[in-house]
Amino acid sequence: MILRFRALARGLVERRAVELVPGATVHAFARAAGRAFPGRADDLDAAASAFDDVRYLRRPGTAALYGAVARADDAVQAERPVDAAAELVR
C-alpha cells in the first residue's frame, strides 16, 4: 500500500501533473494532485490518509486501505490532468 501510493505520486510527477516540493507532506501532495484532478480530490485525500496512517503505524494496512490507494491511482492514470494555465485563460 505504501509502495502503491509512492508509485501514484511518482507517476503524477513524471506526467508533470504535480510538482513535487521537497519536504512536502503526503497531504500537501494530495491537495496539489486534487487541483490537477479535481474530480478525484476526495479519492486522493483518502489515499493520502491511508498512506499516512499505515506509514506512521496509526493503524495496520488492510485490503480496504489498499483499495482506497489503488482506486485513486487507477483513476488518475486513466484521466488527463486539468491544465491550470488553460483554466486561467477562460
N, C-alpha and C. Protein backbone atom coordinates (compact mmCIF):
# COMPACT_ATOMS: atom_id res chain seq x y z
N MET A 1 0.82 -1.17 0.00
CA MET A 1 0.00 0.00 0.00
C MET A 1 0.87 1.25 0.00
N ILE A 2 1.88 1.26 0.81
CA ILE A 2 2.80 2.40 0.85
C ILE A 2 3.50 2.54 -0.51
N LEU A 3 3.95 1.43 -1.05
CA LEU A 3 4.62 1.48 -2.34
C LEU A 3 3.68 1.90 -3.45
N ARG A 4 2.42 1.51 -3.36
CA ARG A 4 1.45 1.90 -4.39
C ARG A 4 1.22 3.41 -4.36
N PHE A 5 1.15 3.99 -3.16
CA PHE A 5 0.98 5.45 -3.08
C PHE A 5 2.21 6.16 -3.63
N ARG A 6 3.38 5.64 -3.29
CA ARG A 6 4.60 6.26 -3.82
C ARG A 6 4.65 6.17 -5.35
N ALA A 7 4.17 5.06 -5.89
CA ALA A 7 4.11 4.92 -7.35
C ALA A 7 3.11 5.91 -7.95
N LEU A 8 1.98 6.11 -7.28
CA LEU A 8 0.99 7.10 -7.71
C LEU A 8 1.65 8.47 -7.77
N ALA A 9 2.34 8.83 -6.70
CA ALA A 9 3.00 10.14 -6.64
C ALA A 9 4.07 10.28 -7.72
N ARG A 10 4.89 9.27 -7.86
CA ARG A 10 5.95 9.30 -8.86
C ARG A 10 5.36 9.43 -10.26
N GLY A 11 4.28 8.72 -10.52
CA GLY A 11 3.63 8.78 -11.82
C GLY A 11 3.10 10.18 -12.13
N LEU A 12 2.52 10.84 -11.15
CA LEU A 12 1.99 12.19 -11.38
C LEU A 12 3.11 13.20 -11.58
N VAL A 13 4.21 12.99 -10.89
CA VAL A 13 5.37 13.88 -11.08
C VAL A 13 5.96 13.66 -12.47
N GLU A 14 6.10 12.41 -12.88
CA GLU A 14 6.64 12.11 -14.21
C GLU A 14 5.74 12.65 -15.32
N ARG A 15 4.43 12.66 -15.09
CA ARG A 15 3.49 13.21 -16.07
C ARG A 15 3.44 14.74 -16.00
N ARG A 16 4.13 15.29 -15.04
CA ARG A 16 4.15 16.74 -14.80
C ARG A 16 2.77 17.28 -14.44
N ALA A 17 1.97 16.44 -13.82
CA ALA A 17 0.66 16.86 -13.34
C ALA A 17 0.79 17.55 -12.00
N VAL A 18 1.84 17.19 -11.25
CA VAL A 18 2.09 17.74 -9.93
C VAL A 18 3.59 17.99 -9.81
N GLU A 19 3.93 19.11 -9.21
CA GLU A 19 5.34 19.40 -8.95
C GLU A 19 5.63 19.00 -7.51
N LEU A 20 6.60 18.15 -7.34
CA LEU A 20 6.96 17.67 -6.02
C LEU A 20 7.89 18.67 -5.35
N VAL A 21 7.47 19.16 -4.21
CA VAL A 21 8.24 20.13 -3.44
C VAL A 21 8.96 19.37 -2.33
N PRO A 22 10.28 19.51 -2.23
CA PRO A 22 11.00 18.80 -1.16
C PRO A 22 10.42 19.15 0.21
N GLY A 23 10.23 18.12 1.01
CA GLY A 23 9.70 18.31 2.36
C GLY A 23 8.19 18.40 2.44
N ALA A 24 7.51 18.30 1.31
CA ALA A 24 6.05 18.37 1.33
C ALA A 24 5.47 17.14 2.01
N THR A 25 4.40 17.32 2.71
CA THR A 25 3.72 16.19 3.34
C THR A 25 2.89 15.45 2.31
N VAL A 26 2.46 14.28 2.66
CA VAL A 26 1.63 13.49 1.76
C VAL A 26 0.29 14.21 1.53
N HIS A 27 -0.19 14.93 2.53
CA HIS A 27 -1.45 15.65 2.37
C HIS A 27 -1.28 16.88 1.47
N ALA A 28 -0.13 17.53 1.54
CA ALA A 28 0.14 18.65 0.63
C ALA A 28 0.21 18.14 -0.80
N PHE A 29 0.83 16.98 -0.97
CA PHE A 29 0.88 16.37 -2.30
C PHE A 29 -0.53 16.05 -2.79
N ALA A 30 -1.36 15.47 -1.93
CA ALA A 30 -2.73 15.11 -2.31
C ALA A 30 -3.54 16.34 -2.69
N ARG A 31 -3.33 17.46 -1.97
CA ARG A 31 -4.04 18.70 -2.33
C ARG A 31 -3.61 19.19 -3.70
N ALA A 32 -2.31 19.14 -3.99
CA ALA A 32 -1.82 19.56 -5.30
C ALA A 32 -2.36 18.64 -6.39
N ALA A 33 -2.36 17.35 -6.12
CA ALA A 33 -2.90 16.40 -7.10
C ALA A 33 -4.39 16.61 -7.28
N GLY A 34 -5.09 16.98 -6.22
CA GLY A 34 -6.51 17.26 -6.30
C GLY A 34 -6.82 18.48 -7.16
N ARG A 35 -5.90 19.42 -7.21
CA ARG A 35 -6.07 20.57 -8.11
C ARG A 35 -5.90 20.14 -9.56
N ALA A 36 -5.01 19.20 -9.80
CA ALA A 36 -4.79 18.69 -11.16
C ALA A 36 -5.90 17.75 -11.60
N PHE A 37 -6.52 17.08 -10.64
CA PHE A 37 -7.61 16.13 -10.90
C PHE A 37 -8.77 16.45 -9.94
N PRO A 38 -9.46 17.55 -10.16
CA PRO A 38 -10.47 18.00 -9.19
C PRO A 38 -11.58 16.98 -8.93
N GLY A 39 -11.90 16.17 -9.88
CA GLY A 39 -12.93 15.15 -9.68
C GLY A 39 -12.46 14.01 -8.81
N ARG A 40 -11.18 13.95 -8.55
CA ARG A 40 -10.58 12.87 -7.74
C ARG A 40 -9.99 13.38 -6.43
N ALA A 41 -10.25 14.62 -6.08
CA ALA A 41 -9.65 15.21 -4.88
C ALA A 41 -9.97 14.40 -3.62
N ASP A 42 -11.21 13.97 -3.47
CA ASP A 42 -11.58 13.18 -2.28
C ASP A 42 -10.87 11.83 -2.28
N ASP A 43 -10.77 11.20 -3.44
CA ASP A 43 -10.06 9.92 -3.53
C ASP A 43 -8.59 10.08 -3.17
N LEU A 44 -7.99 11.15 -3.66
CA LEU A 44 -6.57 11.40 -3.37
C LEU A 44 -6.35 11.71 -1.90
N ASP A 45 -7.27 12.43 -1.30
CA ASP A 45 -7.17 12.72 0.14
C ASP A 45 -7.30 11.43 0.95
N ALA A 46 -8.23 10.57 0.57
CA ALA A 46 -8.40 9.29 1.27
C ALA A 46 -7.15 8.42 1.12
N ALA A 47 -6.56 8.43 -0.06
CA ALA A 47 -5.32 7.66 -0.29
C ALA A 47 -4.19 8.21 0.56
N ALA A 48 -4.09 9.53 0.66
CA ALA A 48 -3.04 10.15 1.48
C ALA A 48 -3.23 9.80 2.95
N SER A 49 -4.47 9.82 3.42
CA SER A 49 -4.73 9.46 4.81
C SER A 49 -4.38 8.00 5.07
N ALA A 50 -4.71 7.12 4.13
CA ALA A 50 -4.37 5.71 4.27
C ALA A 50 -2.85 5.54 4.35
N PHE A 51 -2.14 6.20 3.45
CA PHE A 51 -0.67 6.14 3.46
C PHE A 51 -0.13 6.60 4.80
N ASP A 52 -0.58 7.78 5.24
CA ASP A 52 -0.09 8.35 6.49
C ASP A 52 -0.35 7.42 7.67
N ASP A 53 -1.56 6.91 7.75
CA ASP A 53 -1.92 6.05 8.89
C ASP A 53 -1.10 4.78 8.94
N VAL A 54 -0.90 4.16 7.79
CA VAL A 54 -0.14 2.92 7.77
C VAL A 54 1.36 3.20 7.93
N ARG A 55 1.85 4.20 7.24
CA ARG A 55 3.28 4.51 7.29
C ARG A 55 3.74 4.86 8.70
N TYR A 56 2.90 5.60 9.42
CA TYR A 56 3.27 6.04 10.76
C TYR A 56 2.60 5.21 11.86
N LEU A 57 2.16 4.00 11.48
CA LEU A 57 1.69 2.96 12.39
C LEU A 57 0.50 3.38 13.25
N ARG A 58 -0.36 4.25 12.73
CA ARG A 58 -1.57 4.59 13.46
C ARG A 58 -2.61 3.49 13.33
N ARG A 59 -2.53 2.75 12.23
CA ARG A 59 -3.40 1.58 12.05
C ARG A 59 -2.73 0.63 11.06
N PRO A 60 -3.10 -0.64 11.13
CA PRO A 60 -2.48 -1.61 10.23
C PRO A 60 -3.03 -1.48 8.81
N GLY A 61 -2.22 -1.89 7.87
CA GLY A 61 -2.67 -1.91 6.49
C GLY A 61 -3.75 -2.96 6.31
N THR A 62 -4.75 -2.63 5.53
CA THR A 62 -5.85 -3.58 5.28
C THR A 62 -6.15 -3.57 3.78
N ALA A 63 -6.93 -4.53 3.38
CA ALA A 63 -7.35 -4.59 1.98
C ALA A 63 -8.16 -3.34 1.62
N ALA A 64 -8.95 -2.84 2.55
CA ALA A 64 -9.76 -1.65 2.29
C ALA A 64 -8.88 -0.42 2.08
N LEU A 65 -7.84 -0.28 2.89
CA LEU A 65 -6.93 0.86 2.72
C LEU A 65 -6.16 0.75 1.41
N TYR A 66 -5.70 -0.45 1.10
CA TYR A 66 -5.03 -0.65 -0.18
C TYR A 66 -5.98 -0.31 -1.33
N GLY A 67 -7.23 -0.72 -1.19
CA GLY A 67 -8.22 -0.42 -2.22
C GLY A 67 -8.41 1.06 -2.43
N ALA A 68 -8.37 1.85 -1.37
CA ALA A 68 -8.50 3.31 -1.49
C ALA A 68 -7.35 3.89 -2.30
N VAL A 69 -6.16 3.41 -2.03
CA VAL A 69 -4.99 3.90 -2.77
C VAL A 69 -5.05 3.42 -4.22
N ALA A 70 -5.39 2.17 -4.42
CA ALA A 70 -5.46 1.61 -5.77
C ALA A 70 -6.51 2.33 -6.62
N ARG A 71 -7.68 2.62 -6.04
CA ARG A 71 -8.73 3.33 -6.78
C ARG A 71 -8.27 4.72 -7.20
N ALA A 72 -7.62 5.42 -6.29
CA ALA A 72 -7.12 6.76 -6.63
C ALA A 72 -6.07 6.67 -7.73
N ASP A 73 -5.16 5.73 -7.60
CA ASP A 73 -4.10 5.56 -8.59
C ASP A 73 -4.68 5.21 -9.96
N ASP A 74 -5.56 4.24 -9.99
CA ASP A 74 -6.16 3.83 -11.26
C ASP A 74 -6.94 4.98 -11.90
N ALA A 75 -7.65 5.74 -11.08
CA ALA A 75 -8.46 6.84 -11.61
C ALA A 75 -7.61 7.93 -12.24
N VAL A 76 -6.55 8.35 -11.55
CA VAL A 76 -5.74 9.43 -12.12
C VAL A 76 -4.91 8.96 -13.31
N GLN A 77 -4.59 7.67 -13.35
CA GLN A 77 -3.88 7.15 -14.52
C GLN A 77 -4.76 7.18 -15.76
N ALA A 78 -6.06 7.05 -15.56
CA ALA A 78 -7.00 6.98 -16.67
C ALA A 78 -7.48 8.36 -17.13
N GLU A 79 -7.13 9.40 -16.38
CA GLU A 79 -7.61 10.74 -16.70
C GLU A 79 -6.47 11.68 -17.07
N ARG A 80 -6.85 12.76 -17.72
CA ARG A 80 -5.88 13.82 -18.03
C ARG A 80 -6.00 14.89 -16.95
N PRO A 81 -4.88 15.43 -16.52
CA PRO A 81 -4.94 16.49 -15.51
C PRO A 81 -5.51 17.79 -16.10
N VAL A 82 -6.10 18.58 -15.24
CA VAL A 82 -6.58 19.89 -15.63
C VAL A 82 -5.38 20.77 -15.93
N ASP A 83 -5.45 21.49 -17.00
CA ASP A 83 -4.36 22.41 -17.37
C ASP A 83 -4.64 23.74 -16.67
N ALA A 84 -3.89 24.04 -15.63
CA ALA A 84 -4.12 25.26 -14.85
C ALA A 84 -4.00 26.51 -15.71
N ALA A 85 -3.06 26.55 -16.63
CA ALA A 85 -2.87 27.71 -17.49
C ALA A 85 -4.11 27.93 -18.36
N ALA A 86 -4.68 26.84 -18.88
CA ALA A 86 -5.88 26.96 -19.72
C ALA A 86 -7.06 27.45 -18.88
N GLU A 87 -7.11 27.01 -17.64
CA GLU A 87 -8.22 27.44 -16.78
C GLU A 87 -8.14 28.95 -16.50
N LEU A 88 -6.94 29.49 -16.42
CA LEU A 88 -6.79 30.93 -16.16
C LEU A 88 -7.20 31.77 -17.35
N VAL A 89 -7.06 31.24 -18.54
CA VAL A 89 -7.37 31.98 -19.75
C VAL A 89 -8.88 32.11 -19.95
N ARG A 90 -9.63 31.14 -19.52
CA ARG A 90 -11.08 31.12 -19.75
C ARG A 90 -11.80 32.19 -19.04
